[in-house]
C-alpha atoms as a PDB file:
ATOM      1  CA  UNK A   1      52.810 -94.113  12.049  1.00  0.00           C
ATOM      2  CA  UNK A   2      51.088 -96.367  14.537  1.00  0.00           C
ATOM      3  CA  UNK A   3      47.553 -95.634  15.625  1.00  0.00           C
ATOM      4  CA  UNK A   4      46.864 -95.273  19.317  1.00  0.00           C
ATOM      5  CA  UNK A   5      43.980 -97.188  20.823  1.00  0.00           C
ATOM      6  CA  UNK A   6      40.900 -95.184  21.787  1.00  0.00           C
ATOM      7  CA  UNK A   7      41.515 -95.953  25.454  1.00  0.00           C
ATOM      8  CA  UNK A   8      44.827 -94.054  25.249  1.00  0.00           C
ATOM      9  CA  UNK A   9      43.110 -90.961  23.770  1.00  0.00           C
ATOM     10  CA  UNK A  10      40.245 -90.967  26.260  1.00  0.00           C
ATOM     11  CA  UNK A  11      42.104 -89.135  29.099  1.00  0.00           C
ATOM     12  CA  UNK A  12      43.155 -86.379  26.689  1.00  0.00           C
ATOM     13  CA  UNK A  13      39.628 -86.028  25.330  1.00  0.00           C
ATOM     14  CA  UNK A  14      38.184 -85.808  28.855  1.00  0.00           C
ATOM     15  CA  UNK A  15      40.796 -83.214  29.827  1.00  0.00           C
ATOM     16  CA  UNK A  16      39.946 -81.151  26.739  1.00  0.00           C
ATOM     17  CA  UNK A  17      36.216 -81.414  27.500  1.00  0.00           C
ATOM     18  CA  UNK A  18      36.750 -80.364  31.128  1.00  0.00           C
ATOM     19  CA  UNK A  19      38.879 -77.387  30.033  1.00  0.00           C
ATOM     20  CA  UNK A  20      36.171 -76.320  27.557  1.00  0.00           C
ATOM     21  CA  UNK A  21      33.450 -76.524  30.202  1.00  0.00           C
ATOM     22  CA  UNK A  22      35.516 -74.513  32.668  1.00  0.00           C
ATOM     23  CA  UNK A  23      36.184 -71.877  30.019  1.00  0.00           C
ATOM     24  CA  UNK A  24      32.450 -71.565  29.336  1.00  0.00           C
ATOM     25  CA  UNK A  25      31.498 -71.536  33.022  1.00  0.00           C
ATOM     26  CA  UNK A  26      33.789 -68.602  33.840  1.00  0.00           C
ATOM     27  CA  UNK A  27      31.779 -65.833  32.127  1.00  0.00           C
ATOM     28  CA  UNK A  28      28.491 -67.249  33.401  1.00  0.00           C
ATOM     29  CA  UNK A  29      29.753 -67.308  36.984  1.00  0.00           C
ATOM     30  CA  UNK A  30      31.076 -63.757  36.651  1.00  0.00           C
ATOM     31  CA  UNK A  31      27.603 -62.457  35.781  1.00  0.00           C
ATOM     32  CA  UNK A  32      25.957 -63.683  38.954  1.00  0.00           C
ATOM     33  CA  UNK A  33      26.143 -61.525  42.026  1.00  0.00           C
ATOM     34  CA  UNK A  34      24.866 -61.874  45.543  1.00  0.00           C
ATOM     35  CA  UNK A  35      21.439 -60.356  46.224  1.00  0.00           C
ATOM     36  CA  UNK A  36      21.284 -56.921  47.810  1.00  0.00           C
ATOM     37  CA  UNK A  37      20.825 -56.597  51.570  1.00  0.00           C
ATOM     38  CA  UNK A  38      17.139 -56.848  52.488  1.00  0.00           C
ATOM     39  CA  UNK A  39      16.249 -58.095  48.986  1.00  0.00           C
ATOM     40  CA  UNK A  40      14.958 -61.388  50.367  1.00  0.00           C
ATOM     41  CA  UNK A  41      15.171 -60.701  54.110  1.00  0.00           C
ATOM     42  CA  UNK A  42      12.205 -59.346  56.032  1.00  0.00           C
ATOM     43  CA  UNK A  43      12.450 -56.411  58.410  1.00  0.00           C
ATOM     44  CA  UNK A  44      12.378 -57.277  62.117  1.00  0.00           C
ATOM     45  CA  UNK A  45       9.455 -54.934  62.830  1.00  0.00           C
ATOM     46  CA  UNK A  46       6.293 -56.646  61.476  1.00  0.00           C
ATOM     47  CA  UNK A  47       4.495 -53.319  60.975  1.00  0.00           C
ATOM     48  CA  UNK A  48       7.345 -51.899  58.893  1.00  0.00           C
ATOM     49  CA  UNK A  49       7.621 -55.132  56.898  1.00  0.00           C
ATOM     50  CA  UNK A  50       3.873 -55.022  56.180  1.00  0.00           C
ATOM     51  CA  UNK A  51       4.216 -51.404  55.004  1.00  0.00           C
ATOM     52  CA  UNK A  52       7.188 -52.335  52.805  1.00  0.00           C
ATOM     53  CA  UNK A  53       5.376 -55.372  51.321  1.00  0.00           C
ATOM     54  CA  UNK A  54       2.263 -53.325  50.561  1.00  0.00           C
ATOM     55  CA  UNK A  55       4.405 -50.743  48.777  1.00  0.00           C
ATOM     56  CA  UNK A  56       6.351 -53.412  46.857  1.00  0.00           C
ATOM     57  CA  UNK A  57       3.082 -54.799  45.459  1.00  0.00           C
ATOM     58  CA  UNK A  58       2.366 -51.413  43.843  1.00  0.00           C
ATOM     59  CA  UNK A  59       5.792 -50.950  42.230  1.00  0.00           C
ATOM     60  CA  UNK A  60       6.606 -52.336  38.781  1.00  0.00           C
ATOM     61  CA  UNK A  61       9.772 -54.321  38.081  1.00  0.00           C
ATOM     62  CA  UNK A  62      11.629 -52.303  35.465  1.00  0.00           C
ATOM     63  CA  UNK A  63      13.122 -55.433  33.905  1.00  0.00           C
ATOM     64  CA  UNK A  64      10.074 -57.729  33.889  1.00  0.00           C
ATOM     65  CA  UNK A  65       7.554 -54.919  33.295  1.00  0.00           C
ATOM     66  CA  UNK A  66       4.617 -57.186  33.992  1.00  0.00           C
ATOM     67  CA  UNK A  67       5.412 -58.099  37.589  1.00  0.00           C
ATOM     68  CA  UNK A  68       5.630 -56.166  40.791  1.00  0.00           C
ATOM     69  CA  UNK A  69       8.989 -56.034  42.543  1.00  0.00           C
ATOM     70  CA  UNK A  70       7.478 -58.264  45.238  1.00  0.00           C
ATOM     71  CA  UNK A  71       6.851 -61.055  42.693  1.00  0.00           C
ATOM     72  CA  UNK A  72       9.885 -60.714  40.422  1.00  0.00           C
ATOM     73  CA  UNK A  73      13.097 -62.736  40.713  1.00  0.00           C
ATOM     74  CA  UNK A  74      15.119 -60.248  38.622  1.00  0.00           C
ATOM     75  CA  UNK A  75      18.228 -58.731  40.181  1.00  0.00           C
ATOM     76  CA  UNK A  76      16.818 -55.239  39.594  1.00  0.00           C
ATOM     77  CA  UNK A  77      13.670 -56.141  41.543  1.00  0.00           C
ATOM     78  CA  UNK A  78      15.830 -57.460  44.382  1.00  0.00           C
ATOM     79  CA  UNK A  79      17.743 -54.179  44.449  1.00  0.00           C
ATOM     80  CA  UNK A  80      14.474 -52.245  44.538  1.00  0.00           C
ATOM     81  CA  UNK A  81      13.074 -54.440  47.347  1.00  0.00           C
ATOM     82  CA  UNK A  82      16.254 -53.785  49.289  1.00  0.00           C
ATOM     83  CA  UNK A  83      15.943 -50.023  48.732  1.00  0.00           C
ATOM     84  CA  UNK A  84      12.311 -50.055  49.873  1.00  0.00           C
ATOM     85  CA  UNK A  85      13.111 -52.008  53.040  1.00  0.00           C
ATOM     86  CA  UNK A  86      16.176 -49.882  53.844  1.00  0.00           C
ATOM     87  CA  UNK A  87      14.246 -46.646  53.519  1.00  0.00           C
ATOM     88  CA  UNK A  88      11.254 -47.976  55.505  1.00  0.00           C
ATOM     89  CA  UNK A  89      13.656 -49.213  58.227  1.00  0.00           C
ATOM     90  CA  UNK A  90      15.304 -45.765  58.259  1.00  0.00           C
ATOM     91  CA  UNK A  91      11.942 -44.166  59.066  1.00  0.00           C
ATOM     92  CA  UNK A  92      10.537 -43.091  55.691  1.00  0.00           C
ATOM     93  CA  UNK A  93       6.865 -43.778  55.084  1.00  0.00           C
ATOM     94  CA  UNK A  94       5.503 -45.484  51.954  1.00  0.00           C
ATOM     95  CA  UNK A  95       4.624 -42.181  50.254  1.00  0.00           C
ATOM     96  CA  UNK A  96       8.131 -40.815  50.732  1.00  0.00           C
ATOM     97  CA  UNK A  97       9.687 -44.017  49.385  1.00  0.00           C
ATOM     98  CA  UNK A  98       7.317 -44.062  46.386  1.00  0.00           C
ATOM     99  CA  UNK A  99       8.089 -40.406  45.611  1.00  0.00           C
ATOM    100  CA  UNK A 100      11.823 -41.123  45.859  1.00  0.00           C
ATOM    101  CA  UNK A 101      11.557 -44.116  43.491  1.00  0.00           C
ATOM    102  CA  UNK A 102       9.429 -42.136  41.017  1.00  0.00           C
ATOM    103  CA  UNK A 103      12.010 -39.339  41.069  1.00  0.00           C
ATOM    104  CA  UNK A 104      14.767 -41.894  40.490  1.00  0.00           C
ATOM    105  CA  UNK A 105      13.120 -44.200  37.895  1.00  0.00           C
ATOM    106  CA  UNK A 106      10.209 -42.169  36.514  1.00  0.00           C
ATOM    107  CA  UNK A 107       6.435 -42.599  36.627  1.00  0.00           C
ATOM    108  CA  UNK A 108       6.699 -45.986  34.929  1.00  0.00           C
ATOM    109  CA  UNK A 109       7.842 -47.581  38.201  1.00  0.00           C
ATOM    110  CA  UNK A 110       4.361 -47.280  39.676  1.00  0.00           C
ATOM    111  CA  UNK A 111       1.273 -49.157  38.520  1.00  0.00           C
ATOM    112  CA  UNK A 112      -0.795 -46.020  39.202  1.00  0.00           C
ATOM    113  CA  UNK A 113       0.938 -43.218  37.310  1.00  0.00           C
ATOM    114  CA  UNK A 114      -0.243 -39.665  38.049  1.00  0.00           C
ATOM    115  CA  UNK A 115      -2.181 -37.797  35.391  1.00  0.00           C
ATOM    116  CA  UNK A 116       0.176 -35.543  33.436  1.00  0.00           C
ATOM    117  CA  UNK A 117       0.789 -34.588  29.825  1.00  0.00           C
ATOM    118  CA  UNK A 118       3.002 -37.657  29.410  1.00  0.00           C
ATOM    119  CA  UNK A 119       0.603 -40.162  31.004  1.00  0.00           C
ATOM    120  CA  UNK A 120      -2.630 -38.673  29.665  1.00  0.00           C
ATOM    121  CA  UNK A 121      -2.743 -41.129  26.711  1.00  0.00           C
ATOM    122  CA  UNK A 122      -2.513 -44.017  29.191  1.00  0.00           C
ATOM    123  CA  UNK A 123      -5.617 -42.747  30.940  1.00  0.00           C
ATOM    124  CA  UNK A 124      -7.586 -41.709  27.839  1.00  0.00           C
ATOM    125  CA  UNK A 125      -6.898 -44.696  25.551  1.00  0.00           C
ATOM    126  CA  UNK A 126      -9.060 -47.215  27.497  1.00  0.00           C
ATOM    127  CA  UNK A 127     -11.913 -44.701  27.631  1.00  0.00           C
ATOM    128  CA  UNK A 128     -11.613 -43.991  23.898  1.00  0.00           C
ATOM    129  CA  UNK A 129     -11.514 -47.719  23.061  1.00  0.00           C
ATOM    130  CA  UNK A 130     -14.568 -48.333  25.229  1.00  0.00           C
ATOM    131  CA  UNK A 131     -16.433 -45.504  23.468  1.00  0.00           C
ATOM    132  CA  UNK A 132     -15.487 -46.893  20.040  1.00  0.00           C
ATOM    133  CA  UNK A 133     -16.630 -50.367  21.104  1.00  0.00           C
ATOM    134  CA  UNK A 134     -19.979 -49.015  22.309  1.00  0.00           C
ATOM    135  CA  UNK A 135     -20.412 -47.072  19.048  1.00  0.00           C
ATOM    136  CA  UNK A 136     -19.645 -50.197  16.938  1.00  0.00           C
ATOM    137  CA  UNK A 137     -22.001 -52.362  19.016  1.00  0.00           C
ATOM    138  CA  UNK A 138     -24.773 -49.758  18.839  1.00  0.00           C
ATOM    139  CA  UNK A 139     -24.501 -49.422  15.048  1.00  0.00           C
ATOM    140  CA  UNK A 140     -24.509 -53.208  14.540  1.00  0.00           C
ATOM    141  CA  UNK A 141     -27.618 -53.567  16.738  1.00  0.00           C
ATOM    142  CA  UNK A 142     -29.371 -50.854  14.705  1.00  0.00           C
ATOM    143  CA  UNK A 143     -28.533 -52.662  11.446  1.00  0.00           C
ATOM    144  CA  UNK A 144     -29.920 -55.934  12.824  1.00  0.00           C
ATOM    145  CA  UNK A 145     -33.088 -54.232  13.998  1.00  0.00           C
ATOM    146  CA  UNK A 146     -33.649 -52.708  10.550  1.00  0.00           C
ATOM    147  CA  UNK A 147     -33.206 -56.092   8.854  1.00  0.00           C
ATOM    148  CA  UNK A 148     -35.754 -57.810  11.077  1.00  0.00           C
ATOM    149  CA  UNK A 149     -38.514 -55.223  10.603  1.00  0.00           C
END
């Protein structure tokens, strides 16, 4: 059996590589989708856009969790920005939109959750940790004072 030169195999290898890359690119391309209407488009009325932007700064991205929907590039944040702008454009005020989003996604969507039985630990934990820190600092200062007397 005669061996083929590498130059004869090169077109087949390139075709196989191209087919592999296309096969891998298919699922990745299927996962991308166009952004929602108004996700990255400002409202025509500057007052309504300012109201929508102010509200977006106070709403948490449910995917990123550390960013507001105004700052996040996640698809979910884009959908939420679109919802906020659509509802503001339709005549809802910021409070109505916030209440609607809280009803839809829960209290976690807002950076300022209301005080309730579920969120009470969120409000009390920083106060308790501050009290414990003050107690530890006070006791260590007392011990130092006793040593230096």
